[in-house]
Amino acid sequence: WEKDVTLSSKEAKAFLNDKEAFEKERIIIKFNDDESVTFTR
């Protein structure tokens, strides 16, 4: 909610199963070319 957060694929894995919670807050999950994952509102 404050700023975009980019996590490594390993750390992001723990949150990818909770898509409904992120969608409710209109947070988009972007998979980057370097295999990192960005969470952005």
PDB file of all heavy atoms in Angstrom:
ATOM      1  N   TRP A   1       0.838  -1.208   0.000  1.00  0.00           N
ATOM      2  CA  TRP A   1       0.000   0.000   0.000  1.00  0.00           C
ATOM      3  C   TRP A   1       0.873   1.257   0.000  1.00  0.00           C
ATOM      4  O   TRP A   1       0.472   2.298  -0.496  1.00  0.00           O
ATOM      5  CB  TRP A   1      -0.925   0.001   1.228  1.00  0.00           C
ATOM      6  CG  TRP A   1      -2.278  -0.526   0.925  1.00  0.00           C
ATOM      7  CD1 TRP A   1      -2.613  -1.817   0.676  1.00  0.00           C
ATOM      8  CD2 TRP A   1      -3.484   0.228   0.814  1.00  0.00           C
ATOM      9  NE1 TRP A   1      -3.958  -1.921   0.424  1.00  0.00           N
ATOM     10  CE2 TRP A   1      -4.524  -0.686   0.503  1.00  0.00           C
ATOM     11  CE3 TRP A   1      -3.800   1.567   0.959  1.00  0.00           C
ATOM     12  CZ2 TRP A   1      -5.842  -0.293   0.327  1.00  0.00           C
ATOM     13  CZ3 TRP A   1      -5.116   1.956   0.782  1.00  0.00           C
ATOM     14  CH2 TRP A   1      -6.117   1.036   0.467  1.00  0.00           C
ATOM     15  N   GLU A   2       2.069   1.135   0.550  1.00  0.00           N
ATOM     16  CA  GLU A   2       2.980   2.281   0.605  1.00  0.00           C
ATOM     17  C   GLU A   2       3.859   2.362  -0.649  1.00  0.00           C
ATOM     18  O   GLU A   2       4.124   3.437  -1.166  1.00  0.00           O
ATOM     19  CB  GLU A   2       3.876   2.185   1.847  1.00  0.00           C
ATOM     20  CG  GLU A   2       3.114   2.175   3.165  1.00  0.00           C
ATOM     21  CD  GLU A   2       2.403   3.484   3.428  1.00  0.00           C
ATOM     22  OE1 GLU A   2       2.904   4.534   2.975  1.00  0.00           O
ATOM     23  OE2 GLU A   2       1.339   3.461   4.077  1.00  0.00           O
ATOM     24  N   LYS A   3       4.315   1.208  -1.140  1.00  0.00           N
ATOM     25  CA  LYS A   3       5.224   1.188  -2.298  1.00  0.00           C
ATOM     26  C   LYS A   3       5.281  -0.227  -2.868  1.00  0.00           C
ATOM     27  O   LYS A   3       4.906  -1.197  -2.198  1.00  0.00           O
ATOM     28  CB  LYS A   3       6.626   1.646  -1.893  1.00  0.00           C
ATOM     29  CG  LYS A   3       7.270   0.779  -0.817  1.00  0.00           C
ATOM     30  CD  LYS A   3       8.617   1.322  -0.400  1.00  0.00           C
ATOM     31  CE  LYS A   3       9.238   0.433   0.695  1.00  0.00           C
ATOM     32  NZ  LYS A   3      10.559   0.949   1.133  1.00  0.00           N
ATOM     33  N   ASP A   4       5.766  -0.348  -4.102  1.00  0.00           N
ATOM     34  CA  ASP A   4       5.927  -1.663  -4.707  1.00  0.00           C
ATOM     35  C   ASP A   4       6.943  -2.482  -3.911  1.00  0.00           C
ATOM     36  O   ASP A   4       7.918  -1.940  -3.368  1.00  0.00           O
ATOM     37  CB  ASP A   4       6.420  -1.531  -6.150  1.00  0.00           C
ATOM     38  CG  ASP A   4       5.344  -0.952  -7.062  1.00  0.00           C
ATOM     39  OD1 ASP A   4       4.230  -0.718  -6.573  1.00  0.00           O
ATOM     40  OD2 ASP A   4       5.636  -0.738  -8.256  1.00  0.00           O
ATOM     41  N   VAL A   5       6.729  -3.782  -3.853  1.00  0.00           N
ATOM     42  CA  VAL A   5       7.645  -4.687  -3.159  1.00  0.00           C
ATOM     43  C   VAL A   5       8.070  -5.777  -4.138  1.00  0.00           C
ATOM     44  O   VAL A   5       7.228  -6.432  -4.765  1.00  0.00           O
ATOM     45  CB  VAL A   5       6.971  -5.337  -1.927  1.00  0.00           C
ATOM     46  CG1 VAL A   5       7.894  -6.402  -1.322  1.00  0.00           C
ATOM     47  CG2 VAL A   5       6.629  -4.273  -0.889  1.00  0.00           C
ATOM     48  N   THR A   6       9.373  -5.950  -4.282  1.00  0.00           N
ATOM     49  CA  THR A   6       9.919  -7.004  -5.144  1.00  0.00           C
ATOM     50  C   THR A   6      10.602  -8.044  -4.271  1.00  0.00           C
ATOM     51  O   THR A   6      11.467  -7.718  -3.439  1.00  0.00           O
ATOM     52  CB  THR A   6      10.919  -6.426  -6.155  1.00  0.00           C
ATOM     53  OG1 THR A   6      10.246  -5.461  -6.981  1.00  0.00           O
ATOM     54  CG2 THR A   6      11.499  -7.535  -7.036  1.00  0.00           C
ATOM     55  N   LEU A   7      10.218  -9.308  -4.435  1.00  0.00           N
ATOM     56  CA  LEU A   7      10.775 -10.425  -3.668  1.00  0.00           C
ATOM     57  C   LEU A   7      11.443 -11.414  -4.615  1.00  0.00           C
ATOM     58  O   LEU A   7      11.100 -11.491  -5.806  1.00  0.00           O
ATOM     59  CB  LEU A   7       9.667 -11.142  -2.891  1.00  0.00           C
ATOM     60  CG  LEU A   7       8.822 -10.311  -1.916  1.00  0.00           C
ATOM     61  CD1 LEU A   7       7.756 -11.206  -1.277  1.00  0.00           C
ATOM     62  CD2 LEU A   7       9.699  -9.683  -0.837  1.00  0.00           C
ATOM     63  N   SER A   8      12.347 -12.148  -4.078  1.00  0.00           N
ATOM     64  CA  SER A   8      12.928 -13.240  -4.864  1.00  0.00           C
ATOM     65  C   SER A   8      11.849 -14.295  -5.088  1.00  0.00           C
ATOM     66  O   SER A   8      10.853 -14.354  -4.355  1.00  0.00           O
ATOM     67  CB  SER A   8      14.103 -13.849  -4.112  1.00  0.00           C
ATOM     68  OG  SER A   8      13.635 -14.496  -2.931  1.00  0.00           O
ATOM     69  N   SER A   9      12.010 -15.098  -6.102  1.00  0.00           N
ATOM     70  CA  SER A   9      11.020 -16.134  -6.395  1.00  0.00           C
ATOM     71  C   SER A   9      10.848 -17.076  -5.215  1.00  0.00           C
ATOM     72  O   SER A   9       9.738 -17.567  -4.944  1.00  0.00           O
ATOM     73  CB  SER A   9      11.430 -16.920  -7.639  1.00  0.00           C
ATOM     74  OG  SER A   9      12.724 -17.509  -7.454  1.00  0.00           O
ATOM     75  N   LYS A  10      11.940 -17.313  -4.490  1.00  0.00           N
ATOM     76  CA  LYS A  10      11.883 -18.219  -3.339  1.00  0.00           C
ATOM     77  C   LYS A  10      10.997 -17.638  -2.236  1.00  0.00           C
ATOM     78  O   LYS A  10      10.145 -18.329  -1.682  1.00  0.00           O
ATOM     79  CB  LYS A  10      13.294 -18.456  -2.809  1.00  0.00           C
ATOM     80  CG  LYS A  10      13.345 -19.384  -1.608  1.00  0.00           C
ATOM     81  CD  LYS A  10      14.775 -19.582  -1.158  1.00  0.00           C
ATOM     82  CE  LYS A  10      14.835 -20.475   0.085  1.00  0.00           C
ATOM     83  NZ  LYS A  10      16.240 -20.663   0.559  1.00  0.00           N
ATOM     84  N   GLU A  11      11.182 -16.354  -1.924  1.00  0.00           N
ATOM     85  CA  GLU A  11      10.383 -15.750  -0.852  1.00  0.00           C
ATOM     86  C   GLU A  11       8.949 -15.494  -1.297  1.00  0.00           C
ATOM     87  O   GLU A  11       8.003 -15.614  -0.510  1.00  0.00           O
ATOM     88  CB  GLU A  11      11.021 -14.448  -0.390  1.00  0.00           C
ATOM     89  CG  GLU A  11      10.371 -13.883   0.864  1.00  0.00           C
ATOM     90  CD  GLU A  11      11.163 -12.753   1.471  1.00  0.00           C
ATOM     91  OE1 GLU A  11      11.823 -12.022   0.700  1.00  0.00           O
ATOM     92  OE2 GLU A  11      11.121 -12.600   2.705  1.00  0.00           O
ATOM     93  N   ALA A  12       8.768 -15.171  -2.578  1.00  0.00           N
ATOM     94  CA  ALA A  12       7.421 -14.883  -3.073  1.00  0.00           C
ATOM     95  C   ALA A  12       6.553 -16.128  -3.088  1.00  0.00           C
ATOM     96  O   ALA A  12       5.317 -16.045  -3.009  1.00  0.00           O
ATOM     97  CB  ALA A  12       7.506 -14.298  -4.477  1.00  0.00           C
ATOM     98  N   LYS A  13       7.183 -17.295  -3.179  1.00  0.00           N
ATOM     99  CA  LYS A  13       6.441 -18.547  -3.286  1.00  0.00           C
ATOM    100  C   LYS A  13       5.465 -18.733  -2.133  1.00  0.00           C
ATOM    101  O   LYS A  13       4.372 -19.294  -2.307  1.00  0.00           O
ATOM    102  CB  LYS A  13       7.427 -19.716  -3.350  1.00  0.00           C
ATOM    103  CG  LYS A  13       6.776 -21.054  -3.624  1.00  0.00           C
ATOM    104  CD  LYS A  13       7.819 -22.147  -3.763  1.00  0.00           C
ATOM    105  CE  LYS A  13       7.165 -23.491  -4.065  1.00  0.00           C
ATOM    106  NZ  LYS A  13       8.184 -24.577  -4.200  1.00  0.00           N
ATOM    107  N   ALA A  14       5.826 -18.253  -0.960  1.00  0.00           N
ATOM    108  CA  ALA A  14       4.975 -18.424   0.223  1.00  0.00           C
ATOM    109  C   ALA A  14       3.674 -17.641   0.121  1.00  0.00           C
ATOM    110  O   ALA A  14       2.713 -17.931   0.834  1.00  0.00           O
ATOM    111  CB  ALA A  14       5.748 -17.986   1.467  1.00  0.00           C
ATOM    112  N   PHE A  15       3.621 -16.644  -0.782  1.00  0.00           N
ATOM    113  CA  PHE A  15       2.437 -15.787  -0.873  1.00  0.00           C
ATOM    114  C   PHE A  15       1.599 -16.028  -2.126  1.00  0.00           C
ATOM    115  O   PHE A  15       0.483 -15.534  -2.225  1.00  0.00           O
ATOM    116  CB  PHE A  15       2.866 -14.308  -0.842  1.00  0.00           C
ATOM    117  CG  PHE A  15       3.675 -13.945   0.361  1.00  0.00           C
ATOM    118  CD1 PHE A  15       5.053 -13.772   0.263  1.00  0.00           C
ATOM    119  CD2 PHE A  15       3.079 -13.798   1.598  1.00  0.00           C
ATOM    120  CE1 PHE A  15       5.801 -13.442   1.366  1.00  0.00           C
ATOM    121  CE2 PHE A  15       3.821 -13.470   2.717  1.00  0.00           C
ATOM    122  CZ  PHE A  15       5.192 -13.300   2.610  1.00  0.00           C
ATOM    123  N   LEU A  16       2.123 -16.775  -3.071  1.00  0.00           N
ATOM    124  CA  LEU A  16       1.437 -16.932  -4.353  1.00  0.00           C
ATOM    125  C   LEU A  16       0.146 -17.721  -4.248  1.00  0.00           C
ATOM    126  O   LEU A  16      -0.705 -17.639  -5.141  1.00  0.00           O
ATOM    127  CB  LEU A  16       2.375 -17.589  -5.374  1.00  0.00           C
ATOM    128  CG  LEU A  16       3.614 -16.755  -5.750  1.00  0.00           C
ATOM    129  CD1 LEU A  16       4.459 -17.496  -6.783  1.00  0.00           C
ATOM    130  CD2 LEU A  16       3.211 -15.388  -6.271  1.00  0.00           C
ATOM    131  N   ASN A  17      -0.009 -18.497  -3.188  1.00  0.00           N
ATOM    132  CA  ASN A  17      -1.249 -19.249  -3.001  1.00  0.00           C
ATOM    133  C   ASN A  17      -2.358 -18.414  -2.365  1.00  0.00           C
ATOM    134  O   ASN A  17      -3.468 -18.906  -2.176  1.00  0.00           O
ATOM    135  CB  ASN A  17      -0.986 -20.498  -2.141  1.00  0.00           C
ATOM    136  CG  ASN A  17      -0.122 -21.517  -2.853  1.00  0.00           C
ATOM    137  OD1 ASN A  17      -0.180 -21.639  -4.076  1.00  0.00           O
ATOM    138  ND2 ASN A  17       0.704 -22.235  -2.100  1.00  0.00           N
ATOM    139  N   ASP A  18      -2.025 -17.155  -2.023  1.00  0.00           N
ATOM    140  CA  ASP A  18      -3.004 -16.286  -1.360  1.00  0.00           C
ATOM    141  C   ASP A  18      -3.457 -15.174  -2.310  1.00  0.00           C
ATOM    142  O   ASP A  18      -3.582 -14.008  -1.935  1.00  0.00           O
ATOM    143  CB  ASP A  18      -2.368 -15.687  -0.097  1.00  0.00           C
ATOM    144  CG  ASP A  18      -3.427 -15.229   0.904  1.00  0.00           C
ATOM    145  OD1 ASP A  18      -4.628 -15.502   0.655  1.00  0.00           O
ATOM    146  OD2 ASP A  18      -3.063 -14.612   1.902  1.00  0.00           O
ATOM    147  N   LYS A  19      -3.697 -15.577  -3.575  1.00  0.00           N
ATOM    148  CA  LYS A  19      -4.026 -14.582  -4.597  1.00  0.00           C
ATOM    149  C   LYS A  19      -5.299 -13.804  -4.268  1.00  0.00           C
ATOM    150  O   LYS A  19      -5.420 -12.630  -4.578  1.00  0.00           O
ATOM    151  CB  LYS A  19      -4.185 -15.267  -5.951  1.00  0.00           C
ATOM    152  CG  LYS A  19      -2.869 -15.740  -6.558  1.00  0.00           C
ATOM    153  CD  LYS A  19      -3.102 -16.304  -7.947  1.00  0.00           C
ATOM    154  CE  LYS A  19      -1.780 -16.732  -8.572  1.00  0.00           C
ATOM    155  NZ  LYS A  19      -1.994 -17.279  -9.942  1.00  0.00           N
ATOM    156  N   GLU A  20      -6.263 -14.462  -3.637  1.00  0.00           N
ATOM    157  CA  GLU A  20      -7.544 -13.802  -3.349  1.00  0.00           C
ATOM    158  C   GLU A  20      -7.362 -12.583  -2.453  1.00  0.00           C
ATOM    159  O   GLU A  20      -8.003 -11.544  -2.653  1.00  0.00           O
ATOM    160  CB  GLU A  20      -8.497 -14.800  -2.683  1.00  0.00           C
ATOM    161  CG  GLU A  20      -9.899 -14.240  -2.465  1.00  0.00           C
ATOM    162  CD  GLU A  20     -10.852 -15.278  -1.911  1.00  0.00           C
ATOM    163  OE1 GLU A  20     -10.573 -16.477  -2.037  1.00  0.00           O
ATOM    164  OE2 GLU A  20     -11.886 -14.865  -1.348  1.00  0.00           O
ATOM    165  N   ALA A  21      -6.461 -12.710  -1.458  1.00  0.00           N
ATOM    166  CA  ALA A  21      -6.211 -11.586  -0.543  1.00  0.00           C
ATOM    167  C   ALA A  21      -5.610 -10.398  -1.282  1.00  0.00           C
ATOM    168  O   ALA A  21      -5.954  -9.244  -1.027  1.00  0.00           O
ATOM    169  CB  ALA A  21      -5.293 -12.027   0.588  1.00  0.00           C
ATOM    170  N   PHE A  22      -4.725 -10.686  -2.242  1.00  0.00           N
ATOM    171  CA  PHE A  22      -4.095  -9.605  -2.995  1.00  0.00           C
ATOM    172  C   PHE A  22      -5.068  -8.991  -3.994  1.00  0.00           C
ATOM    173  O   PHE A  22      -5.084  -7.776  -4.201  1.00  0.00           O
ATOM    174  CB  PHE A  22      -2.841 -10.122  -3.711  1.00  0.00           C
ATOM    175  CG  PHE A  22      -1.737 -10.515  -2.769  1.00  0.00           C
ATOM    176  CD1 PHE A  22      -1.485 -11.846  -2.482  1.00  0.00           C
ATOM    177  CD2 PHE A  22      -0.962  -9.540  -2.152  1.00  0.00           C
ATOM    178  CE1 PHE A  22      -0.481 -12.202  -1.606  1.00  0.00           C
ATOM    179  CE2 PHE A  22       0.051  -9.888  -1.273  1.00  0.00           C
ATOM    180  CZ  PHE A  22       0.291 -11.227  -0.992  1.00  0.00           C
ATOM    181  N   GLU A  23      -5.888  -9.826  -4.619  1.00  0.00           N
ATOM    182  CA  GLU A  23      -6.862  -9.313  -5.575  1.00  0.00           C
ATOM    183  C   GLU A  23      -7.888  -8.407  -4.888  1.00  0.00           C
ATOM    184  O   GLU A  23      -8.343  -7.417  -5.455  1.00  0.00           O
ATOM    185  CB  GLU A  23      -7.575 -10.479  -6.267  1.00  0.00           C
ATOM    186  CG  GLU A  23      -6.680 -11.221  -7.249  1.00  0.00           C
ATOM    187  CD  GLU A  23      -7.371 -12.435  -7.847  1.00  0.00           C
ATOM    188  OE1 GLU A  23      -8.514 -12.732  -7.415  1.00  0.00           O
ATOM    189  OE2 GLU A  23      -6.773 -13.086  -8.716  1.00  0.00           O
ATOM    190  N   LYS A  24      -8.254  -8.755  -3.659  1.00  0.00           N
ATOM    191  CA  LYS A  24      -9.205  -7.945  -2.903  1.00  0.00           C
ATOM    192  C   LYS A  24      -8.676  -6.534  -2.689  1.00  0.00           C
ATOM    193  O   LYS A  24      -9.435  -5.559  -2.686  1.00  0.00           O
ATOM    194  CB  LYS A  24      -9.486  -8.612  -1.556  1.00  0.00           C
ATOM    195  CG  LYS A  24     -10.531  -7.891  -0.723  1.00  0.00           C
ATOM    196  CD  LYS A  24     -10.785  -8.620   0.583  1.00  0.00           C
ATOM    197  CE  LYS A  24     -11.805  -7.880   1.433  1.00  0.00           C
ATOM    198  NZ  LYS A  24     -12.031  -8.560   2.729  1.00  0.00           N
ATOM    199  N   GLU A  25      -7.374  -6.424  -2.519  1.00  0.00           N
ATOM    200  CA  GLU A  25      -6.754  -5.107  -2.314  1.00  0.00           C
ATOM    201  C   GLU A  25      -6.242  -4.524  -3.624  1.00  0.00           C
ATOM    202  O   GLU A  25      -5.503  -3.551  -3.632  1.00  0.00           O
ATOM    203  CB  GLU A  25      -5.595  -5.221  -1.317  1.00  0.00           C
ATOM    204  CG  GLU A  25      -6.025  -5.681   0.067  1.00  0.00           C
ATOM    205  CD  GLU A  25      -6.931  -4.672   0.748  1.00  0.00           C
ATOM    206  OE1 GLU A  25      -6.815  -3.469   0.446  1.00  0.00           O
ATOM    207  OE2 GLU A  25      -7.750  -5.092   1.573  1.00  0.00           O
ATOM    208  N   ARG A  26      -6.624  -5.142  -4.739  1.00  0.00           N
ATOM    209  CA  ARG A  26      -6.227  -4.738  -6.077  1.00  0.00           C
ATOM    210  C   ARG A  26      -4.708  -4.649  -6.201  1.00  0.00           C
ATOM    211  O   ARG A  26      -4.142  -3.691  -6.730  1.00  0.00           O
ATOM    212  CB  ARG A  26      -6.893  -3.408  -6.476  1.00  0.00           C
ATOM    213  CG  ARG A  26      -7.062  -3.302  -7.986  1.00  0.00           C
ATOM    214  CD  ARG A  26      -7.567  -1.970  -8.460  1.00  0.00           C
ATOM    215  NE  ARG A  26      -6.690  -0.893  -8.071  1.00  0.00           N
ATOM    216  CZ  ARG A  26      -7.024   0.004  -7.158  1.00  0.00           C
ATOM    217  NH1 ARG A  26      -8.181  -0.071  -6.573  1.00  0.00           N
ATOM    218  NH2 ARG A  26      -6.194   0.966  -6.853  1.00  0.00           N
ATOM    219  N   ILE A  27      -4.048  -5.649  -5.694  1.00  0.00           N
ATOM    220  CA  ILE A  27      -2.598  -5.759  -5.803  1.00  0.00           C
ATOM    221  C   ILE A  27      -2.276  -6.744  -6.921  1.00  0.00           C
ATOM    222  O   ILE A  27      -2.789  -7.866  -6.954  1.00  0.00           O
ATOM    223  CB  ILE A  27      -1.978  -6.220  -4.475  1.00  0.00           C
ATOM    224  CG1 ILE A  27      -2.102  -5.082  -3.440  1.00  0.00           C
ATOM    225  CG2 ILE A  27      -0.516  -6.613  -4.662  1.00  0.00           C
ATOM    226  CD1 ILE A  27      -1.662  -5.456  -2.054  1.00  0.00           C
ATOM    227  N   ILE A  28      -1.437  -6.322  -7.844  1.00  0.00           N
ATOM    228  CA  ILE A  28      -1.071  -7.135  -9.004  1.00  0.00           C
ATOM    229  C   ILE A  28       0.266  -7.820  -8.734  1.00  0.00           C
ATOM    230  O   ILE A  28       1.202  -7.211  -8.192  1.00  0.00           O
ATOM    231  CB  ILE A  28      -0.980  -6.256 -10.263  1.00  0.00           C
ATOM    232  CG1 ILE A  28      -2.372  -5.711 -10.616  1.00  0.00           C
ATOM    233  CG2 ILE A  28      -0.406  -7.030 -11.438  1.00  0.00           C
ATOM    234  CD1 ILE A  28      -2.356  -4.731 -11.769  1.00  0.00           C
ATOM    235  N   ILE A  29       0.359  -9.070  -9.139  1.00  0.00           N
ATOM    236  CA  ILE A  29       1.602  -9.834  -8.983  1.00  0.00           C
ATOM    237  C   ILE A  29       2.266  -9.928 -10.352  1.00  0.00           C
ATOM    238  O   ILE A  29       1.693 -10.475 -11.295  1.00  0.00           O
ATOM    239  CB  ILE A  29       1.316 -11.239  -8.420  1.00  0.00           C
ATOM    240  CG1 ILE A  29       0.597 -11.132  -7.065  1.00  0.00           C
ATOM    241  CG2 ILE A  29       2.604 -12.033  -8.281  1.00  0.00           C
ATOM    242  CD1 ILE A  29       0.135 -12.461  -6.501  1.00  0.00           C
ATOM    243  N   LYS A  30       3.466  -9.369 -10.472  1.00  0.00           N
ATOM    244  CA  LYS A  30       4.190  -9.349 -11.746  1.00  0.00           C
ATOM    245  C   LYS A  30       5.434 -10.235 -11.653  1.00  0.00           C
ATOM    246  O   LYS A  30       6.233 -10.108 -10.709  1.00  0.00           O
ATOM    247  CB  LYS A  30       4.605  -7.911 -12.082  1.00  0.00           C
ATOM    248  CG  LYS A  30       3.433  -6.978 -12.325  1.00  0.00           C
ATOM    249  CD  LYS A  30       3.879  -5.520 -12.366  1.00  0.00           C
ATOM    250  CE  LYS A  30       4.885  -5.275 -13.477  1.00  0.00           C
ATOM    251  NZ  LYS A  30       5.271  -3.838 -13.535  1.00  0.00           N
ATOM    252  N   PHE A  31       5.603 -11.116 -12.617  1.00  0.00           N
ATOM    253  CA  PHE A  31       6.774 -11.993 -12.659  1.00  0.00           C
ATOM    254  C   PHE A  31       7.811 -11.366 -13.598  1.00  0.00           C
ATOM    255  O   PHE A  31       7.563 -11.176 -14.785  1.00  0.00           O
ATOM    256  CB  PHE A  31       6.370 -13.389 -13.155  1.00  0.00           C
ATOM    257  CG  PHE A  31       5.435 -14.106 -12.211  1.00  0.00           C
ATOM    258  CD1 PHE A  31       4.060 -13.961 -12.339  1.00  0.00           C
ATOM    259  CD2 PHE A  31       5.937 -14.901 -11.188  1.00  0.00           C
ATOM    260  CE1 PHE A  31       3.197 -14.602 -11.469  1.00  0.00           C
ATOM    261  CE2 PHE A  31       5.077 -15.552 -10.307  1.00  0.00           C
ATOM    262  CZ  PHE A  31       3.710 -15.409 -10.448  1.00  0.00           C
ATOM    263  N   ASN A  32       8.960 -11.064 -13.049  1.00  0.00           N
ATOM    264  CA  ASN A  32       9.989 -10.343 -13.786  1.00  0.00           C
ATOM    265  C   ASN A  32      10.937 -11.303 -14.513  1.00  0.00           C
ATOM    266  O   ASN A  32      11.002 -12.503 -14.201  1.00  0.00           O
ATOM    267  CB  ASN A  32      10.785  -9.451 -12.836  1.00  0.00           C
ATOM    268  CG  ASN A  32       9.871  -8.488 -12.077  1.00  0.00           C
ATOM    269  OD1 ASN A  32       8.972  -7.890 -12.673  1.00  0.00           O
ATOM    270  ND2 ASN A  32      10.092  -8.358 -10.768  1.00  0.00           N
ATOM    271  N   ASP A  33      11.703 -10.749 -15.478  1.00  0.00           N
ATOM    272  CA  ASP A  33      12.628 -11.556 -16.276  1.00  0.00           C
ATOM    273  C   ASP A  33      13.733 -12.174 -15.440  1.00  0.00           C
ATOM    274  O   ASP A  33      14.271 -13.228 -15.790  1.00  0.00           O
ATOM    275  CB  ASP A  33      13.244 -10.701 -17.394  1.00  0.00           C
ATOM    276  CG  ASP A  33      12.192 -10.278 -18.425  1.00  0.00           C
ATOM    277  OD1 ASP A  33      11.157 -10.968 -18.510  1.00  0.00           O
ATOM    278  OD2 ASP A  33      12.416  -9.267 -19.123  1.00  0.00           O
ATOM    279  N   ASP A  34      14.115 -11.521 -14.342  1.00  0.00           N
ATOM    280  CA  ASP A  34      15.199 -12.058 -13.495  1.00  0.00           C
ATOM    281  C   ASP A  34      14.679 -13.048 -12.457  1.00  0.00           C
ATOM    282  O   ASP A  34      15.359 -13.352 -11.477  1.00  0.00           O
ATOM    283  CB  ASP A  34      15.949 -10.920 -12.801  1.00  0.00           C
ATOM    284  CG  ASP A  34      15.045 -10.122 -11.861  1.00  0.00           C
ATOM    285  OD1 ASP A  34      13.830 -10.435 -11.788  1.00  0.00           O
ATOM    286  OD2 ASP A  34      15.543  -9.179 -11.218  1.00  0.00           O
ATOM    287  N   GLU A  35      13.422 -13.508 -12.679  1.00  0.00           N
ATOM    288  CA  GLU A  35      12.767 -14.488 -11.815  1.00  0.00           C
ATOM    289  C   GLU A  35      12.338 -13.926 -10.458  1.00  0.00           C
ATOM    290  O   GLU A  35      11.857 -14.671  -9.602  1.00  0.00           O
ATOM    291  CB  GLU A  35      13.660 -15.739 -11.603  1.00  0.00           C
ATOM    292  CG  GLU A  35      13.915 -16.504 -12.891  1.00  0.00           C
ATOM    293  CD  GLU A  35      14.626 -17.810 -12.628  1.00  0.00           C
ATOM    294  OE1 GLU A  35      15.042 -18.051 -11.482  1.00  0.00           O
ATOM    295  OE2 GLU A  35      14.766 -18.603 -13.587  1.00  0.00           O
ATOM    296  N   SER A  36      12.502 -12.614 -10.271  1.00  0.00           N
ATOM    297  CA  SER A  36      11.962 -12.000  -9.067  1.00  0.00           C
ATOM    298  C   SER A  36      10.469 -11.735  -9.284  1.00  0.00           C
ATOM    299  O   SER A  36       9.964 -11.825 -10.409  1.00  0.00           O
ATOM    300  CB  SER A  36      12.693 -10.691  -8.756  1.00  0.00           C
ATOM    301  OG  SER A  36      12.471  -9.744  -9.787  1.00  0.00           O
ATOM    302  N   VAL A  37       9.756 -11.420  -8.211  1.00  0.00           N
ATOM    303  CA  VAL A  37       8.313 -11.180  -8.287  1.00  0.00           C
ATOM    304  C   VAL A  37       8.013  -9.830  -7.647  1.00  0.00           C
ATOM    305  O   VAL A  37       8.447  -9.561  -6.521  1.00  0.00           O
ATOM    306  CB  VAL A  37       7.524 -12.294  -7.567  1.00  0.00           C
ATOM    307  CG1 VAL A  37       6.029 -12.011  -7.641  1.00  0.00           C
ATOM    308  CG2 VAL A  37       7.841 -13.654  -8.176  1.00  0.00           C
ATOM    309  N   THR A  38       7.273  -8.998  -8.368  1.00  0.00           N
ATOM    310  CA  THR A  38       6.926  -7.670  -7.854  1.00  0.00           C
ATOM    311  C   THR A  38       5.444  -7.631  -7.511  1.00  0.00           C
ATOM    312  O   THR A  38       4.602  -8.028  -8.314  1.00  0.00           O
ATOM    313  CB  THR A  38       7.241  -6.571  -8.879  1.00  0.00           C
ATOM    314  OG1 THR A  38       8.653  -6.552  -9.125  1.00  0.00           O
ATOM    315  CG2 THR A  38       6.803  -5.202  -8.365  1.00  0.00           C
ATOM    316  N   PHE A  39       5.151  -7.142  -6.313  1.00  0.00           N
ATOM    317  CA  PHE A  39       3.774  -6.929  -5.861  1.00  0.00           C
ATOM    318  C   PHE A  39       3.508  -5.423  -5.956  1.00  0.00           C
ATOM    319  O   PHE A  39       4.203  -4.628  -5.317  1.00  0.00           O
ATOM    320  CB  PHE A  39       3.589  -7.418  -4.421  1.00  0.00           C
ATOM    321  CG  PHE A  39       3.779  -8.901  -4.260  1.00  0.00           C
ATOM    322  CD1 PHE A  39       5.056  -9.459  -4.193  1.00  0.00           C
ATOM    323  CD2 PHE A  39       2.682  -9.760  -4.192  1.00  0.00           C
ATOM    324  CE1 PHE A  39       5.227 -10.829  -4.051  1.00  0.00           C
ATOM    325  CE2 PHE A  39       2.845 -11.124  -4.037  1.00  0.00           C
ATOM    326  CZ  PHE A  39       4.119 -11.662  -3.980  1.00  0.00           C
ATOM    327  N   THR A  40       2.508  -5.045  -6.771  1.00  0.00           N
ATOM    328  CA  THR A  40       2.252  -3.622  -6.985  1.00  0.00           C
ATOM    329  C   THR A  40       0.758  -3.338  -6.899  1.00  0.00           C
ATOM    330  O   THR A  40      -0.067  -4.148  -7.320  1.00  0.00           O
ATOM    331  CB  THR A  40       2.798  -3.156  -8.350  1.00  0.00           C
ATOM    332  OG1 THR A  40       2.518  -1.766  -8.526  1.00  0.00           O
ATOM    333  CG2 THR A  40       2.168  -3.923  -9.489  1.00  0.00           C
ATOM    334  N   ARG A  41       0.424  -2.210  -6.335  1.00  0.00           N
ATOM    335  CA  ARG A  41      -0.982  -1.811  -6.223  1.00  0.00           C
ATOM    336  C   ARG A  41      -1.335  -0.947  -7.412  1.00  0.00           C
ATOM    337  O   ARG A  41      -0.796   0.143  -7.602  1.00  0.00           O
ATOM    338  CB  ARG A  41      -1.222  -1.057  -4.913  1.00  0.00           C
ATOM    339  CG  ARG A  41      -2.695  -0.800  -4.629  1.00  0.00           C
ATOM    340  CD  ARG A  41      -2.881  -0.402  -3.175  1.00  0.00           C
ATOM    341  NE  ARG A  41      -4.304  -0.223  -2.878  1.00  0.00           N
ATOM    342  CZ  ARG A  41      -4.939   0.945  -2.958  1.00  0.00           C
ATOM    343  NH1 ARG A  41      -4.280   2.014  -3.332  1.00  0.00           N
ATOM    344  NH2 ARG A  41      -6.222   1.026  -2.673  1.00  0.00           N
TER     345      ARG A  41
END
